Amino acid sequence: MKRVFTAPTVTETYLMKGILESEGIEAFIKNEHLSGLAGEVPFMDSWPEVWIVDDAEAEHAKAIIDDYQRGLKSL
């Protein structure tokens, strides 16, 4: 399992998880409920994360994420 994405909101992580799954990459969310600890732990440690199950798909997953983010910046 590898972490491929992290964001300050759970909404962003679910969006990215859905995009990866639509490309056939099995993914799941970690730290989904840790936002309540912000202030108690370093803020980035409580951000939700997208992890993929198959390490061999990590580069492909990161490329999909990069392409998506690049598309947002061009809007």
N, C-alpha and C. Protein backbone atom coordinates (compact mmCIF):
# COMPACT_ATOMS: atom_id res chain seq x y z
N MET A 1 0.84 -1.17 0.00
CA MET A 1 0.00 0.00 0.00
C MET A 1 0.89 1.24 0.00
N LYS A 2 0.47 2.24 -0.77
CA LYS A 2 1.23 3.48 -0.85
C LYS A 2 0.29 4.67 -0.81
N ARG A 3 0.74 5.71 -0.12
CA ARG A 3 0.00 6.97 -0.12
C ARG A 3 0.32 7.70 -1.43
N VAL A 4 -0.73 8.17 -2.10
CA VAL A 4 -0.52 8.87 -3.37
C VAL A 4 -1.08 10.29 -3.36
N PHE A 5 -1.86 10.64 -2.33
CA PHE A 5 -2.46 11.96 -2.31
C PHE A 5 -2.88 12.32 -0.90
N THR A 6 -2.73 13.57 -0.55
CA THR A 6 -3.23 14.09 0.72
C THR A 6 -3.76 15.49 0.48
N ALA A 7 -4.78 15.87 1.24
CA ALA A 7 -5.41 17.18 1.05
C ALA A 7 -6.01 17.64 2.38
N PRO A 8 -6.26 18.93 2.50
CA PRO A 8 -6.81 19.43 3.76
C PRO A 8 -8.27 19.06 4.00
N THR A 9 -8.99 18.63 2.95
CA THR A 9 -10.40 18.28 3.15
C THR A 9 -10.68 16.86 2.67
N VAL A 10 -11.61 16.24 3.34
CA VAL A 10 -12.01 14.88 2.98
C VAL A 10 -12.70 14.87 1.61
N THR A 11 -13.33 15.96 1.25
CA THR A 11 -13.99 16.05 -0.05
C THR A 11 -12.99 15.87 -1.18
N GLU A 12 -11.84 16.55 -1.07
CA GLU A 12 -10.81 16.42 -2.10
C GLU A 12 -10.28 14.99 -2.20
N THR A 13 -10.11 14.35 -1.04
CA THR A 13 -9.58 12.99 -1.07
C THR A 13 -10.59 12.02 -1.68
N TYR A 14 -11.88 12.22 -1.39
CA TYR A 14 -12.88 11.34 -1.99
C TYR A 14 -12.98 11.56 -3.50
N LEU A 15 -12.81 12.80 -3.94
CA LEU A 15 -12.80 13.07 -5.37
C LEU A 15 -11.65 12.32 -6.04
N MET A 16 -10.46 12.42 -5.45
CA MET A 16 -9.30 11.76 -6.03
C MET A 16 -9.44 10.24 -5.98
N LYS A 17 -9.98 9.72 -4.89
CA LYS A 17 -10.22 8.28 -4.78
C LYS A 17 -11.16 7.83 -5.90
N GLY A 18 -12.21 8.58 -6.15
CA GLY A 18 -13.16 8.24 -7.20
C GLY A 18 -12.53 8.27 -8.58
N ILE A 19 -11.67 9.26 -8.81
CA ILE A 19 -10.98 9.34 -10.10
C ILE A 19 -10.08 8.13 -10.30
N LEU A 20 -9.33 7.77 -9.27
CA LEU A 20 -8.44 6.60 -9.37
C LEU A 20 -9.25 5.32 -9.60
N GLU A 21 -10.33 5.16 -8.86
CA GLU A 21 -11.15 3.96 -9.01
C GLU A 21 -11.80 3.89 -10.40
N SER A 22 -12.13 5.06 -10.97
CA SER A 22 -12.71 5.05 -12.32
C SER A 22 -11.67 4.60 -13.36
N GLU A 23 -10.39 4.68 -12.99
CA GLU A 23 -9.30 4.21 -13.85
C GLU A 23 -8.87 2.79 -13.50
N GLY A 24 -9.62 2.15 -12.59
CA GLY A 24 -9.34 0.76 -12.24
C GLY A 24 -8.30 0.57 -11.15
N ILE A 25 -7.99 1.63 -10.41
CA ILE A 25 -7.00 1.54 -9.33
C ILE A 25 -7.74 1.49 -8.00
N GLU A 26 -7.55 0.41 -7.25
CA GLU A 26 -8.21 0.26 -5.96
C GLU A 26 -7.57 1.20 -4.94
N ALA A 27 -8.38 2.04 -4.31
CA ALA A 27 -7.88 3.05 -3.38
C ALA A 27 -8.76 3.11 -2.13
N PHE A 28 -8.20 3.68 -1.06
CA PHE A 28 -8.97 3.89 0.15
C PHE A 28 -8.47 5.14 0.86
N ILE A 29 -9.27 5.63 1.80
CA ILE A 29 -8.98 6.86 2.53
C ILE A 29 -8.48 6.52 3.93
N LYS A 30 -7.40 7.17 4.34
CA LYS A 30 -6.92 7.10 5.73
C LYS A 30 -7.06 8.49 6.35
N ASN A 31 -7.16 8.55 7.64
CA ASN A 31 -7.25 9.80 8.42
C ASN A 31 -8.53 10.57 8.12
N GLU A 32 -9.54 9.88 7.67
CA GLU A 32 -10.80 10.53 7.31
C GLU A 32 -11.42 11.30 8.48
N HIS A 33 -11.26 10.79 9.68
CA HIS A 33 -11.92 11.39 10.83
C HIS A 33 -10.96 12.09 11.79
N LEU A 34 -9.76 12.39 11.33
CA LEU A 34 -8.77 13.01 12.22
C LEU A 34 -8.81 14.53 12.22
N SER A 35 -9.64 15.15 11.41
CA SER A 35 -9.65 16.61 11.35
C SER A 35 -9.97 17.22 12.71
N GLY A 36 -10.68 16.50 13.55
CA GLY A 36 -10.99 16.99 14.89
C GLY A 36 -9.77 17.11 15.78
N LEU A 37 -8.68 16.46 15.38
CA LEU A 37 -7.45 16.53 16.16
C LEU A 37 -6.55 17.70 15.74
N ALA A 38 -6.94 18.41 14.70
CA ALA A 38 -6.12 19.54 14.25
C ALA A 38 -5.91 20.48 15.42
N GLY A 39 -4.68 20.86 15.63
CA GLY A 39 -4.33 21.67 16.79
C GLY A 39 -3.69 20.82 17.87
N GLU A 40 -4.10 19.57 17.96
CA GLU A 40 -3.53 18.64 18.93
C GLU A 40 -2.31 17.93 18.32
N VAL A 41 -2.36 17.71 17.02
CA VAL A 41 -1.26 17.09 16.28
C VAL A 41 -0.91 18.06 15.14
N PRO A 42 0.28 17.94 14.57
CA PRO A 42 0.60 18.81 13.44
C PRO A 42 -0.49 18.72 12.38
N PHE A 43 -0.91 19.89 11.84
CA PHE A 43 -2.09 19.92 10.98
C PHE A 43 -1.99 18.99 9.78
N MET A 44 -0.82 18.87 9.17
CA MET A 44 -0.72 17.99 8.00
C MET A 44 -0.80 16.52 8.39
N ASP A 45 -0.51 16.18 9.62
CA ASP A 45 -0.63 14.79 10.07
C ASP A 45 -2.09 14.38 10.24
N SER A 46 -2.98 15.35 10.29
CA SER A 46 -4.40 15.03 10.45
C SER A 46 -5.17 15.15 9.14
N TRP A 47 -4.49 15.48 8.05
CA TRP A 47 -5.16 15.58 6.75
C TRP A 47 -5.53 14.19 6.23
N PRO A 48 -6.68 14.08 5.58
CA PRO A 48 -7.05 12.79 4.97
C PRO A 48 -6.10 12.45 3.82
N GLU A 49 -5.89 11.16 3.61
CA GLU A 49 -4.94 10.67 2.61
C GLU A 49 -5.60 9.62 1.72
N VAL A 50 -5.18 9.57 0.47
CA VAL A 50 -5.60 8.51 -0.45
C VAL A 50 -4.45 7.54 -0.58
N TRP A 51 -4.73 6.28 -0.33
CA TRP A 51 -3.75 5.21 -0.45
C TRP A 51 -4.24 4.23 -1.51
N ILE A 52 -3.30 3.63 -2.21
CA ILE A 52 -3.67 2.59 -3.17
C ILE A 52 -3.22 1.24 -2.64
N VAL A 53 -3.92 0.21 -3.05
CA VAL A 53 -3.67 -1.14 -2.55
C VAL A 53 -2.44 -1.76 -3.22
N ASP A 54 -2.32 -1.60 -4.52
CA ASP A 54 -1.25 -2.24 -5.29
C ASP A 54 -0.10 -1.26 -5.52
N ASP A 55 1.02 -1.49 -4.86
CA ASP A 55 2.20 -0.61 -4.99
C ASP A 55 2.64 -0.45 -6.44
N ALA A 56 2.44 -1.47 -7.24
CA ALA A 56 2.87 -1.42 -8.64
C ALA A 56 2.11 -0.36 -9.44
N GLU A 57 0.98 0.09 -8.94
CA GLU A 57 0.18 1.09 -9.63
C GLU A 57 0.47 2.51 -9.16
N ALA A 58 1.45 2.68 -8.27
CA ALA A 58 1.72 3.99 -7.67
C ALA A 58 2.07 5.05 -8.71
N GLU A 59 2.96 4.74 -9.63
CA GLU A 59 3.37 5.74 -10.63
C GLU A 59 2.19 6.12 -11.52
N HIS A 60 1.40 5.13 -11.92
CA HIS A 60 0.22 5.40 -12.74
C HIS A 60 -0.77 6.28 -11.98
N ALA A 61 -0.99 5.96 -10.71
CA ALA A 61 -1.91 6.74 -9.88
C ALA A 61 -1.43 8.18 -9.75
N LYS A 62 -0.14 8.37 -9.49
CA LYS A 62 0.40 9.73 -9.37
C LYS A 62 0.28 10.49 -10.68
N ALA A 63 0.46 9.82 -11.80
CA ALA A 63 0.31 10.47 -13.11
C ALA A 63 -1.14 10.92 -13.33
N ILE A 64 -2.09 10.10 -12.94
CA ILE A 64 -3.51 10.46 -13.07
C ILE A 64 -3.81 11.68 -12.21
N ILE A 65 -3.31 11.68 -10.99
CA ILE A 65 -3.52 12.81 -10.08
C ILE A 65 -2.88 14.08 -10.64
N ASP A 66 -1.66 13.96 -11.12
CA ASP A 66 -0.96 15.12 -11.70
C ASP A 66 -1.73 15.68 -12.89
N ASP A 67 -2.20 14.80 -13.77
CA ASP A 67 -2.97 15.24 -14.93
C ASP A 67 -4.23 15.98 -14.51
N TYR A 68 -4.91 15.45 -13.50
CA TYR A 68 -6.13 16.08 -13.01
C TYR A 68 -5.82 17.47 -12.44
N GLN A 69 -4.80 17.55 -11.61
CA GLN A 69 -4.44 18.83 -10.99
C GLN A 69 -3.96 19.84 -12.03
N ARG A 70 -3.24 19.38 -13.01
CA ARG A 70 -2.77 20.26 -14.07
C ARG A 70 -3.98 20.83 -14.84
N GLY A 71 -4.98 20.01 -15.07
CA GLY A 71 -6.20 20.46 -15.73
C GLY A 71 -6.93 21.53 -14.94
N LEU A 72 -6.92 21.41 -13.62
CA LEU A 72 -7.57 22.42 -12.78
C LEU A 72 -6.84 23.77 -12.87
N LYS A 73 -5.53 23.72 -12.95
CA LYS A 73 -4.75 24.96 -12.99
C LYS A 73 -4.95 25.71 -14.29
N SER A 74 -5.34 25.00 -15.34
CA SER A 74 -5.52 25.66 -16.64
C SER A 74 -6.90 26.32 -16.77
N LEU A 75 -7.78 26.08 -15.78
CA LEU A 75 -9.13 26.68 -15.85
C LEU A 75 -9.10 28.17 -15.57
